[in-house]
Protein backbone atom coordinates (compact mmCIF):
# COMPACT_ATOMS: atom_id res chain seq x y z
CA MET A 1 74.21 92.28 92.55
CA PRO A 2 72.51 94.44 89.90
CA HIS A 3 73.72 94.67 86.33
CA ASN A 4 72.26 97.40 84.18
CA GLN A 5 74.01 96.58 80.89
CA PRO A 6 72.96 93.69 78.61
CA ASP A 7 76.57 92.80 77.76
CA HIS A 8 76.66 90.03 80.35
CA VAL A 9 74.37 88.09 82.64
CA LEU A 10 74.86 86.49 86.04
CA VAL A 11 74.68 82.70 85.83
CA ARG A 12 74.91 80.39 88.84
CA LEU A 13 76.75 77.15 88.05
CA PRO A 14 77.24 73.99 90.15
CA ASP A 15 80.65 73.70 91.82
CA TRP A 16 80.98 70.06 90.76
CA LEU A 17 80.46 70.70 87.05
CA ASN A 18 83.05 69.16 84.72
CA GLY A 19 85.05 67.54 87.52
CA ASP A 20 84.83 70.53 89.91
CA LYS A 21 85.95 72.85 87.10
CA PRO A 22 82.87 74.87 86.07
CA ALA A 23 85.07 77.39 84.25
CA THR A 24 85.81 74.78 81.59
CA LEU A 25 82.22 75.13 80.48
CA GLY A 26 83.31 78.29 78.68
CA GLU A 27 85.48 76.31 76.27
CA MET A 28 82.64 73.93 75.49
CA THR A 29 79.97 76.57 74.95
CA ARG A 30 82.21 79.36 73.66
CA TRP A 31 81.15 81.54 76.58
CA THR A 32 83.38 84.17 78.14
CA MET A 33 83.14 83.58 81.91
CA ASN A 34 84.35 85.61 84.87
CA ALA A 35 83.86 84.48 88.46
CA VAL A 36 82.11 87.02 90.68
CA GLN A 37 84.36 87.61 93.67
CA GLY A 38 82.74 86.97 97.04
CA GLU A 39 79.57 85.43 95.57
CA ALA A 40 79.29 81.64 95.55
CA HIS A 41 78.52 79.87 92.29
CA ALA A 42 78.18 83.21 90.45
CA TRP A 43 79.70 83.87 87.04
CA GLU A 44 79.38 86.81 84.68
CA VAL A 45 78.76 85.28 81.27
CA HIS A 46 78.45 86.43 77.69
CA LEU A 47 78.96 84.76 74.31
CA GLU A 48 82.43 84.93 72.81
CA GLU A 49 80.96 86.60 69.74
CA SER A 50 79.16 89.32 71.76
CA GLY A 51 80.19 92.77 70.64
CA SER A 52 81.29 91.53 67.24
CA GLU A 53 79.49 92.42 64.04
CA ASN A 54 79.81 88.79 62.95
CA ALA A 55 77.75 85.91 64.27
CA ALA A 56 79.48 82.81 65.61
CA GLU A 57 80.23 80.18 63.00
CA LEU A 58 78.05 77.59 64.68
CA VAL A 59 77.12 76.13 61.30
CA HIS A 60 79.36 76.25 58.23
CA LEU A 61 78.62 75.31 54.61
CA ASP A 62 81.07 73.70 52.13
CA LEU A 63 80.57 72.39 48.62
CA LEU A 64 81.70 68.75 48.46
CA ALA A 65 80.95 67.72 44.89
CA ASN A 66 79.14 68.50 41.66
CA ALA A 67 79.45 67.35 38.04
CA GLY A 68 82.80 69.07 37.69
CA LYS A 69 84.12 68.10 41.10
CA ILE A 70 83.35 64.52 42.04
CA SER A 71 86.69 62.96 42.96
CA GLY A 72 88.79 63.42 46.08
CA LEU A 73 86.02 63.07 48.65
CA ARG A 74 88.05 60.56 50.65
CA GLU A 75 90.73 63.23 51.13
CA ASN A 76 88.29 65.93 52.23
CA LEU A 77 89.24 66.72 55.84
CA GLY A 78 85.81 67.96 56.89
CA LEU A 79 84.09 64.89 55.45
CA ARG A 80 86.63 62.60 57.08
CA GLU A 81 85.86 64.18 60.46
CA LEU A 82 82.14 63.73 59.87
CA ALA A 83 82.72 60.12 58.78
CA ALA A 84 84.52 59.43 62.05
CA SER A 85 81.46 60.52 64.05
CA GLN A 86 78.79 58.12 65.13
CA GLY A 87 76.06 57.45 62.60
CA SER A 88 72.40 57.94 63.37
CA TYR A 89 71.69 54.23 63.89
CA PRO A 90 74.17 53.02 66.54
CA GLY A 91 73.96 49.33 67.26
CA LEU A 92 72.21 48.51 63.99
CA GLU A 93 74.27 46.10 61.93
CA ALA A 94 75.47 47.41 58.59
CA GLN A 95 74.17 44.31 56.82
CA VAL A 96 70.64 44.99 58.07
CA ILE A 97 70.74 48.44 56.51
CA ARG A 98 72.18 47.13 53.23
CA ASP A 99 69.44 44.51 53.07
CA GLU A 100 66.79 47.18 53.60
CA VAL A 101 68.25 49.36 50.86
CA SER A 102 68.32 46.38 48.47
CA ARG A 103 64.70 45.49 49.26
CA ILE A 104 63.44 49.03 48.61
CA LEU A 105 65.32 49.42 45.34
CA GLU A 106 64.12 46.02 44.12
CA GLU A 107 60.48 46.75 44.96
CA ARG A 108 60.52 50.30 43.50
CA PRO A 109 62.85 50.32 40.46
CA GLY A 110 63.15 53.68 38.73
CA ASP A 111 61.45 55.48 41.63
CA PHE A 112 63.50 58.60 42.41
CA SER A 113 61.88 59.07 45.85
CA ALA A 114 62.82 55.53 46.82
CA ALA A 115 66.36 56.01 45.52
CA MET A 116 66.83 59.22 47.53
CA TYR A 117 65.39 57.56 50.64
CA CYS A 118 68.01 54.86 50.26
CA VAL A 119 70.72 57.47 49.75
CA GLY A 120 69.69 59.15 52.99
CA LEU A 121 69.58 55.87 54.86
CA SER A 122 73.04 54.95 53.61
CA VAL A 123 74.58 58.32 54.45
CA VAL A 124 73.33 58.44 58.03
CA SER A 125 74.41 54.87 58.73
CA ALA A 126 77.79 54.83 56.97
CA GLN A 127 80.89 54.17 59.05
CA GLY A 128 84.37 55.56 58.41
CA GLU A 129 85.47 55.67 54.78
CA GLU A 130 82.13 54.22 53.67
CA LEU A 131 80.64 57.72 53.81
CA ALA A 132 82.73 59.21 51.00
CA GLY A 133 82.10 56.16 48.83
CA MET A 134 78.35 56.32 49.38
CA ILE A 135 78.25 60.01 48.50
CA GLU A 136 80.23 59.39 45.30
CA SER A 137 77.93 56.51 44.40
CA ALA A 138 74.83 58.63 45.06
CA MET A 139 76.10 61.37 42.78
CA ASN A 140 77.37 59.10 39.98
CA ASP A 141 74.59 56.49 40.00
CA VAL A 142 71.45 58.32 41.21
CA LEU A 143 71.67 62.08 40.77
CA LEU A 144 73.98 63.16 37.94
CA PRO A 145 72.58 60.77 35.28
CA VAL A 146 69.19 62.51 35.50
CA LEU A 147 70.05 65.82 37.23
CA PRO A 148 73.31 67.12 35.71
CA ASP A 149 73.27 70.26 37.91
CA ALA A 150 73.00 68.31 41.17
CA ALA A 151 75.51 69.02 43.93
CA VAL A 152 76.33 67.84 47.43
CA PHE A 153 77.24 70.07 50.35
CA GLN A 154 78.34 69.55 53.94
CA ILE A 155 77.05 71.65 56.82
CA THR A 156 79.43 71.36 59.74
CA VAL A 157 77.87 71.97 63.16
CA ASP A 158 80.10 73.33 65.92
CA PRO A 159 79.77 71.25 69.14
CA ALA A 160 79.26 74.53 71.00
CA LEU A 161 75.70 74.67 69.63
CA SER A 162 74.74 71.39 71.31
CA TYR A 163 76.54 72.36 74.51
CA ARG A 164 74.70 75.66 74.67
CA MET A 165 71.42 73.80 74.42
CA ALA A 166 72.51 71.22 77.00
CA VAL A 167 73.42 73.95 79.51
CA ILE A 168 69.89 75.32 79.31
CA ARG A 169 68.52 71.91 80.30
CA LEU A 170 71.12 71.51 83.03
CA LEU A 171 70.42 74.90 84.62
CA LEU A 172 66.69 74.31 84.40
CA ARG A 173 67.23 71.25 86.57
CA VAL A 174 69.40 73.24 88.99
CA LYS A 175 66.76 75.96 89.26
CA ASP A 176 64.20 73.35 90.24
CA ASP A 177 66.57 71.84 92.83
CA PRO A 178 69.04 74.48 94.15
CA LYS A 179 70.82 71.86 96.28
CA LEU A 180 72.47 70.76 93.03
CA LEU A 181 74.60 73.91 93.13
CA THR A 182 76.77 72.28 95.77
CA SER A 183 76.05 68.57 95.53
CA ALA A 184 76.07 66.41 92.42
CA PRO A 185 73.08 64.07 91.99
CA GLU A 186 73.62 60.53 93.16
CA ASN A 187 72.59 57.25 91.55
CA GLU A 188 71.40 58.82 88.32
CA VAL A 189 71.75 57.29 84.89
CA PRO A 190 74.31 59.12 82.72
CA GLY A 191 72.86 62.15 80.98
CA ALA A 192 69.83 62.47 83.28
CA MET A 193 70.83 66.02 84.18
CA PHE A 194 70.22 67.06 80.57
CA ARG A 195 66.89 65.39 79.86
CA SER A 196 64.41 68.22 80.48
CA GLY A 197 62.59 68.75 77.20
CA ALA A 198 65.47 67.15 75.30
CA GLU A 199 63.19 65.60 72.67
CA LEU A 200 61.31 68.87 72.17
CA PHE A 201 64.36 70.68 70.80
CA SER A 202 66.64 67.95 69.56
CA ASP A 203 67.22 69.05 65.96
CA THR A 204 70.15 71.29 66.87
CA ALA A 205 71.89 68.20 68.29
CA LEU A 206 71.43 66.02 65.21
CA GLY A 207 70.54 66.82 61.65
CA LEU A 208 69.06 70.33 61.84
CA GLY A 209 66.02 68.73 60.19
CA ALA A 210 63.38 71.22 61.29
CA TYR A 211 65.65 74.17 60.50
CA LEU A 212 66.44 73.02 56.95
CA ALA A 213 63.13 71.51 55.80
CA PRO A 214 61.34 74.86 55.26
CA LEU A 215 64.25 75.85 52.99
CA PHE A 216 64.13 72.71 50.86
CA LEU A 217 60.33 73.05 50.74
CA SER A 218 60.42 76.76 49.90
CA LEU A 219 58.75 75.97 46.56
CA SER A 220 56.39 73.28 47.91
CA PRO A 221 54.94 71.09 46.45
CA TRP A 222 58.21 71.27 44.51
CA VAL A 223 61.32 70.01 46.30
CA TRP A 224 64.88 70.97 45.42
CA ALA A 225 67.13 69.32 48.05
CA GLN A 226 67.39 66.59 50.66
CA SER A 227 69.51 66.40 53.81
CA SER A 228 70.89 63.57 55.94
CA GLY A 229 72.11 64.35 59.43
CA ARG A 230 74.93 62.81 61.42
CA SER A 231 76.54 63.75 64.70
CA GLY A 232 78.51 66.89 63.94
CA GLY A 233 77.07 67.76 60.57
CA VAL A 234 74.64 67.38 57.70
CA ILE A 235 75.04 66.15 54.12
CA VAL A 236 72.84 68.10 51.69
CA PHE A 237 72.05 66.94 48.15
CA THR A 238 70.69 69.68 45.90
CA PHE A 239 68.93 68.55 42.72
CA GLY A 240 69.86 71.50 40.49
CA ARG A 241 66.19 72.13 39.75
CA PRO A 242 62.85 71.73 41.53
CA ILE A 243 61.22 68.31 41.37
CA ILE A 244 57.51 67.83 42.01
CA GLY A 245 57.05 66.37 45.47
CA ARG A 246 53.78 64.57 44.87
CA ARG A 247 51.64 62.99 42.20
CA GLY A 248 48.62 64.73 40.79
CA GLU A 249 46.41 61.74 41.50
CA ALA A 250 46.12 59.82 44.76
CA SER A 251 49.00 57.39 45.19
CA GLU A 252 47.53 55.76 48.30
CA LEU A 253 43.92 54.89 49.19
CA LEU A 254 44.02 57.09 52.28
CA GLN A 255 44.58 60.12 50.05
CA LEU A 256 41.11 59.62 48.59
CA PHE A 257 39.77 60.92 51.90
CA THR A 258 41.93 64.05 52.10
CA PRO A 259 39.94 67.33 52.24
CA ARG A 260 40.42 68.89 48.84
CA GLY A 261 43.11 71.51 48.57
CA SER A 262 45.30 72.38 45.61
CA LEU A 263 44.92 69.71 42.93
CA SER A 264 47.95 70.71 40.91
CA GLY A 265 51.52 71.63 41.68
CA GLY A 266 51.45 74.13 38.81
CA THR A 267 54.25 74.63 36.33
CA ILE A 268 57.85 73.92 37.24
CA PRO A 269 59.49 77.02 38.75
CA ALA A 270 62.05 78.42 36.32
CA LEU A 271 65.32 78.74 38.23
CA ASP A 272 68.99 79.14 37.49
CA PRO A 273 70.69 76.18 39.23
CA VAL A 274 73.17 78.63 40.75
CA SER A 275 70.33 80.28 42.67
CA LEU A 276 69.76 77.09 44.66
CA GLY A 277 73.29 77.20 46.01
CA THR A 278 72.89 80.91 46.69
CA ALA A 279 69.72 80.27 48.69
CA LEU A 280 71.40 77.49 50.66
CA GLN A 281 74.35 79.74 51.48
CA TRP A 282 72.03 82.58 52.54
CA TRP A 283 69.96 80.28 54.73
CA VAL A 284 72.95 78.74 56.51
CA SER A 285 74.45 82.19 57.05
CA HIS A 286 71.23 83.40 58.62
CA LEU A 287 70.92 80.22 60.68
CA ASN A 288 74.29 81.20 62.12
CA GLN A 289 72.83 84.51 63.21
CA LEU A 290 69.62 82.87 64.42
CA PHE A 291 71.47 80.31 66.55
CA THR A 292 73.66 83.05 67.99
CA GLU A 293 70.63 85.06 69.05
CA MET A 294 68.74 81.96 70.17
CA THR A 295 71.53 80.72 72.44
CA ASP A 296 72.52 84.06 74.00
CA PRO A 297 71.77 83.96 77.75
CA CYS A 298 72.01 87.77 77.86
CA HIS A 299 68.67 87.94 76.05
CA HIS A 300 67.13 86.38 79.15
CA ARG A 301 68.53 88.76 81.71
CA THR A 302 66.21 89.95 84.45
CA GLU A 303 66.08 93.47 85.85
CA ASP A 304 68.39 92.38 88.66
CA GLY A 305 70.96 90.95 86.25
CA GLU A 306 70.21 87.26 86.83
CA TYR A 307 69.85 84.67 84.09
CA ASP A 308 66.24 83.48 83.72
CA VAL A 309 66.74 79.96 82.41
CA SER A 310 63.00 79.23 82.35
CA SER A 311 62.41 82.08 79.91
CA HIS A 312 65.28 80.86 77.74
CA PHE A 313 64.01 77.28 77.79
CA GLU A 314 60.54 78.39 76.71
CA ASP A 315 61.83 80.47 73.80
CA VAL A 316 64.12 77.71 72.52
CA LEU A 317 61.25 75.22 72.67
CA SER A 318 59.00 77.66 70.85
CA LEU A 319 61.49 78.43 68.12
CA GLU A 320 62.05 74.81 67.16
CA GLN A 321 58.31 74.20 67.36
CA ALA A 322 57.71 77.05 64.90
CA PHE A 323 60.12 75.50 62.39
CA ARG A 324 58.59 72.04 62.82
CA THR A 325 55.07 73.38 62.35
CA VAL A 326 56.02 75.10 59.10
CA GLN A 327 57.76 71.90 58.04
CA SER A 328 54.52 69.96 58.57
CA LEU A 329 52.44 72.63 56.86
CA SER A 330 54.77 72.50 53.86
CA ILE A 331 54.30 68.79 53.22
CA HIS A 332 50.50 68.80 53.64
CA ASP A 333 50.02 70.43 50.26
CA ARG A 334 46.75 68.64 49.50
CA ASP A 335 44.92 69.13 52.79
CA VAL A 336 43.81 72.75 53.21
CA HIS A 337 42.02 71.93 56.49
CA VAL A 338 45.19 70.61 58.12
CA ARG A 339 47.17 73.53 56.68
CA LYS A 340 44.70 76.01 58.16
CA GLY A 341 45.15 74.56 61.64
CA LEU A 342 48.92 74.49 61.27
CA LEU A 343 48.86 78.13 60.12
CA PHE A 344 47.25 79.21 63.38
CA ASP A 345 49.61 77.04 65.42
CA ALA A 346 52.66 78.49 63.70
CA LEU A 347 51.56 82.11 64.01
CA ASP A 348 50.70 81.66 67.68
CA THR A 349 54.18 80.27 68.29
CA ILE A 350 55.97 82.98 66.31
CA ALA A 351 53.95 85.68 68.06
CA GLY A 352 55.06 84.27 71.40
CA ILE A 353 58.76 84.60 70.64
CA ARG A 354 58.96 87.51 68.24
CA GLY A 355 55.70 89.39 67.61
CA PRO A 356 53.61 91.10 66.43
CA ASP A 357 50.54 89.40 67.83
CA VAL A 358 48.51 87.01 65.72
CA ASP A 359 45.79 89.54 64.91
CA GLU A 360 48.33 91.86 63.29
CA MET A 361 49.83 89.01 61.26
CA PHE A 362 46.37 88.50 59.74
CA MET A 363 46.43 92.06 58.35
CA LEU A 364 47.33 92.64 54.70
CA THR A 365 49.40 95.76 55.45
CA LYS A 366 51.48 93.81 58.00
CA ALA A 367 51.97 90.89 55.63
CA ARG A 368 53.12 93.24 52.88
CA GLN A 369 55.48 94.93 55.31
CA ALA A 370 56.95 91.54 56.32
CA LEU A 371 57.44 90.64 52.65
CA SER A 372 59.19 93.95 52.03
CA GLU A 373 61.54 93.37 54.97
CA ILE A 374 62.42 89.92 53.64
CA GLU A 375 63.04 91.21 50.11
CA GLY A 376 65.45 93.78 51.53
CA ALA A 377 67.49 91.04 53.21
CA MET A 378 68.40 89.03 50.09
CA ASP A 379 69.43 89.47 46.48
CA GLU A 380 67.29 88.60 43.47
CA SER A 381 68.88 85.20 42.88
CA CYS A 382 68.15 84.09 46.43
CA GLY A 383 64.67 85.58 46.23
CA ASP A 384 63.86 83.46 43.19
CA VAL A 385 64.05 80.41 45.47
CA LEU A 386 62.75 81.74 48.79
CA LEU A 387 60.11 84.33 47.90
CA PRO A 388 57.49 82.72 45.60
CA ARG A 389 55.56 81.04 48.45
CA ALA A 390 55.73 84.18 50.56
CA LYS A 391 54.44 86.33 47.69
CA ALA A 392 51.66 83.83 46.98
CA ALA A 393 50.62 83.92 50.64
CA VAL A 394 50.30 87.72 50.59
CA ALA A 395 48.29 87.54 47.36
CA ALA A 396 46.05 84.89 48.93
CA LEU A 397 45.42 87.12 51.95
CA ASP A 398 44.40 89.90 49.56
CA GLU A 399 42.05 87.48 47.78
CA PHE A 400 40.62 86.29 51.08
CA GLN A 401 39.94 89.89 52.14
CA LYS A 402 37.85 90.34 49.00
CA GLY A 403 35.61 87.44 50.03
CA PHE A 404 33.20 89.62 52.03
CA PHE A 405 30.08 89.81 49.85
CA LEU A 406 26.85 90.18 51.89
CA PRO A 407 25.02 93.15 50.28
CA SER A 408 23.24 94.10 53.49
CA ARG A 409 26.56 94.61 55.28
CA ILE A 410 28.99 95.80 52.61
CA VAL A 411 29.27 99.61 52.55
CA GLU A 412 31.62 101.95 50.70
CA THR A 413 34.09 102.18 53.59
CA GLY A 414 34.05 98.58 54.74
CA LEU A 415 31.74 96.17 56.56
CA ARG A 416 28.86 97.03 58.87
CA ILE A 417 28.74 94.71 61.92
CA PRO A 418 27.41 94.81 65.51
CA GLY A 419 29.50 96.77 67.99
CA LYS A 420 29.29 97.44 71.69
CA TYR A 421 27.02 100.47 71.20
CA GLY A 422 25.16 99.41 68.07
CA ASP A 423 26.28 98.80 64.51
CA GLU A 424 29.67 100.10 63.41
CA VAL A 425 31.61 100.06 60.16
CA ILE A 426 35.08 98.53 60.10
CA SER A 427 37.60 98.25 57.28
CA LEU A 428 37.80 95.04 55.28
CA GLU A 429 41.33 94.56 56.60
CA ARG A 430 40.05 94.64 60.18
CA ALA A 431 37.12 92.40 59.22
CA THR A 432 39.62 89.91 57.76
CA ARG A 433 41.65 90.00 60.95
CA GLU A 434 38.58 89.33 63.10
CA TYR A 435 37.26 86.64 60.74
CA LEU A 436 40.54 84.73 60.85
CA ARG A 437 40.59 85.07 64.61
CA ILE A 438 37.17 83.36 64.65
CA LEU A 439 38.53 80.52 62.49
CA ARG A 440 41.50 80.19 64.84
CA ASN A 441 39.27 79.98 67.91
CA ALA A 442 36.91 77.58 66.14
CA GLY A 443 39.47 74.85 66.75
CA HIS A 444 37.35 74.35 69.86
CA SER A 445 33.96 75.18 68.32
CA PHE A 446 32.23 77.80 66.20
CA ARG A 447 29.51 78.00 68.84
CA ASP A 448 30.40 80.47 71.57
CA ASN A 449 28.95 79.13 74.83
CA SER A 450 30.75 81.68 77.00
CA LYS A 451 28.88 84.18 79.16
CA GLY A 452 30.49 87.17 77.47
CA ALA A 453 28.71 90.17 76.00
CA THR A 454 25.95 89.34 73.54
CA TYR A 455 27.26 91.80 70.95
CA ARG A 456 30.47 89.75 70.57
CA LYS A 457 28.46 86.68 69.56
CA ASP A 458 26.33 88.75 67.19
CA ARG A 459 29.50 90.29 65.74
CA ALA A 460 31.06 86.87 65.08
CA ARG A 461 27.85 85.59 63.48
CA ALA A 462 27.63 88.64 61.23
CA LEU A 463 31.24 88.19 60.13
CA LEU A 464 30.74 84.50 59.36
CA ALA A 465 27.61 85.25 57.35
CA SER A 466 29.29 88.06 55.41
CA HIS A 467 32.14 86.03 53.91
CA THR A 468 32.06 83.16 51.44
CA GLY A 469 34.39 81.14 53.69
CA TYR A 470 36.67 80.31 50.78
CA ILE A 471 40.28 79.91 51.95
CA PRO A 472 42.76 80.16 49.07
CA PRO A 473 45.11 77.15 49.17
CA GLU A 474 48.12 79.48 49.50
CA LEU A 475 46.79 81.41 52.52
CA PRO A 476 48.30 79.05 55.14
CA ASP A 477 51.72 79.90 53.70
CA LEU A 478 51.49 83.08 55.79
CA ALA A 479 53.22 80.84 58.33
CA TYR A 480 56.13 80.42 55.90
CA LEU A 481 56.18 84.19 55.29
CA TYR A 482 56.56 85.07 58.95
CA LEU A 483 59.07 82.27 59.61
CA LEU A 484 61.11 83.54 56.67
CA ARG A 485 61.09 87.01 58.19
CA LEU A 486 62.40 85.50 61.42
CA ILE A 487 65.27 83.93 59.45
CA ALA A 488 65.90 87.18 57.59
CA ARG A 489 65.88 89.28 60.79
CA PRO A 490 67.08 87.07 63.68
CA GLU A 491 68.06 90.18 65.65
CA ASP A 492 64.35 90.63 66.32
CA LEU A 493 64.65 87.82 68.87
CA ARG A 494 66.49 90.17 71.24
CA ARG A 495 64.57 91.30 74.28
CA TRP A 496 65.58 92.29 77.79
CA PRO A 497 65.05 92.51 80.61
CA VAL A 498 62.66 89.64 81.17
CA SER A 499 60.51 89.35 84.27
CA SER A 500 62.30 89.17 87.61
CA SER A 501 63.75 85.82 88.54
CA LYS A 502 62.69 86.24 92.16
């Protein structure tokens, strides 16, 4: 039956779900569900928060402790609930973990990175009341003695987020085998119905790692926070100020072979410690909106009103991949070659789920527009933490555009290059866009062995010859810029109808 309004979508659910009670799925996912009379397995579905100006509180942030508030963690209800959940290393004996922590601290005394690694290991493995004690110890013994503005927060994750993701995997399986609408699978290991792509978008189920790392690396190579995920939530330690995330010289022999990128982390960013908490609050608030948009089945409604689970599955996979790619790009501060490849990967992924296309994201006017949209979505304090990398990326794109130098091709209005009907003059912005497209495609090879038009090969060769080829170290942070815009404007994920489900 057709549905012309995007306020609900028709979803077909197995009769046997949740002990022959598919309607109970609504409580788990926070869906509003209405059975379609006279149509087997059919339910009209929309999110509980649909129609509200507020996003669902799928993730919630609370301050647990700072220098002026360090006691009472054992009485904190939210922390006690998190402590009761299963740690990230089930089956691993507590003594094994304690021995590992002792070994690391003994081998690397005075090493802050080692100490924070041990804090993270202890937090994710703690059982029961151990968790509050370990957090107090981390604050009193590791952080506050050297970082007096440090703080610890808890992000609570609503189970509905994981259930919404699990339903996508379940319905993908049902779409592939429609017999499952009426008959439950037999002789399957527990959880097999939910395994499709589970490891490709697992961070919403535990830790939110990919979704938080770009935030904590917003000033990369400076780092200002660390998180440790457990089932049901995340513990976040903020340092109160940025700390350099790498050494200036090589700390391992393998780093001697890294293609040269930025040699220095620059001067320490000057920040008010309060701005770090403001940025964390802004990010979690916008993650709420992002997860609401990301999990809404109505955004994957076909022209005939049906839910297209394949489209939803692809977008969820792509979104987490975009965050993970920017996470990887952010830690490869030294290696400009790796960062360049990750830039193209990230922009391709973002273009697939949001737009505009990659060519437009290479344009200086589009990058400046994206930066302006982001600036309009946050206050100055938050911008002090989140915007420096984005601004540097736009400046780097401007610098890159000025790298066209060949006297025989530079003219007053741009760059003269071969066209389909002879030479033509294009703007430097368009030349930059086409040049970066060549670099993107050169992941396969710079040599074009295709049987396409000769002028295209001549055009690419002219572009390559006309530019110095210098890539500013900050240019790959265009990926961070466009991911940040996605966080700032999650409503841009909305699109319907998708292609027909028939």
